Amino acid sequence: MSVLMRTYRLASGLQQEERIDDPDRIERYMKLFDREDLKKIQAGHRVKIEKDEWQLLEG
């Protein structure tokens, strides 16, 4: 089962981490990435979009 990790900062400066394990949500979020970033994230690398950092973990 794949897990999409999203790391982001709140307005207060605190860092939050979200674990997304629902396949439908993962598929929707994958549409945010361009082709180059999609290849990176599928290879397990971290990808930064604006202020959010994403990583796909295969399990």
Protein backbone atom coordinates (compact mmCIF):
# COMPACT_ATOMS: atom_id res chain seq x y z
CA MET A 1 0.00 0.00 0.00
CA SER A 2 1.37 3.42 -0.96
CA VAL A 3 1.44 6.38 1.39
CA LEU A 4 1.84 9.96 0.22
CA MET A 5 3.59 12.14 2.78
CA ARG A 6 2.97 15.89 2.74
CA THR A 7 5.06 18.20 4.90
CA TYR A 8 4.00 21.83 5.20
CA ARG A 9 4.28 24.84 7.50
CA LEU A 10 1.34 26.53 9.18
CA ALA A 11 0.99 30.31 9.34
CA SER A 12 2.20 30.11 12.95
CA GLY A 13 5.47 28.56 11.74
CA LEU A 14 4.80 25.06 13.02
CA GLN A 15 5.61 22.21 10.68
CA GLN A 16 2.88 19.65 10.03
CA GLU A 17 3.04 16.26 8.35
CA GLU A 18 0.07 14.58 6.69
CA ARG A 19 -0.04 10.88 5.77
CA ILE A 20 -2.38 10.19 2.87
CA ASP A 21 -3.12 6.49 2.40
CA ASP A 22 -6.43 6.61 0.52
CA PRO A 23 -5.71 5.52 -3.11
CA ASP A 24 -8.34 7.91 -4.52
CA ARG A 25 -6.82 10.92 -2.71
CA ILE A 26 -3.31 9.90 -3.76
CA GLU A 27 -4.41 9.75 -7.39
CA ARG A 28 -6.00 13.22 -7.15
CA TYR A 29 -2.86 14.70 -5.59
CA MET A 30 -0.64 13.09 -8.25
CA LYS A 31 -2.38 15.29 -10.83
CA LEU A 32 -0.73 18.32 -9.18
CA PHE A 33 2.73 17.29 -10.34
CA ASP A 34 4.21 18.04 -13.73
CA ARG A 35 5.85 15.24 -15.72
CA GLU A 36 9.34 15.80 -14.33
CA ASP A 37 8.17 15.96 -10.70
CA LEU A 38 5.93 12.93 -11.23
CA LYS A 39 8.93 10.84 -12.31
CA LYS A 40 10.86 11.98 -9.23
CA ILE A 41 8.07 11.24 -6.77
CA GLN A 42 7.42 7.81 -8.31
CA ALA A 43 11.13 7.05 -7.82
CA GLY A 44 10.72 7.82 -4.10
CA HIS A 45 12.41 11.22 -4.10
CA ARG A 46 11.06 14.23 -2.26
CA VAL A 47 9.40 16.88 -4.42
CA LYS A 48 8.78 20.45 -3.36
CA ILE A 49 5.82 22.37 -4.79
CA GLU A 50 5.70 25.96 -3.57
CA LYS A 51 5.98 25.51 0.22
CA ASP A 52 4.85 21.89 0.48
CA GLU A 53 7.17 18.90 0.34
CA TRP A 54 5.80 15.60 -0.98
CA GLN A 55 7.13 12.03 -0.90
CA LEU A 56 5.55 8.78 -2.06
CA LEU A 57 6.40 5.78 0.09
CA GLU A 58 5.71 2.31 -1.30
CA GLY A 59 4.72 -0.22 1.28
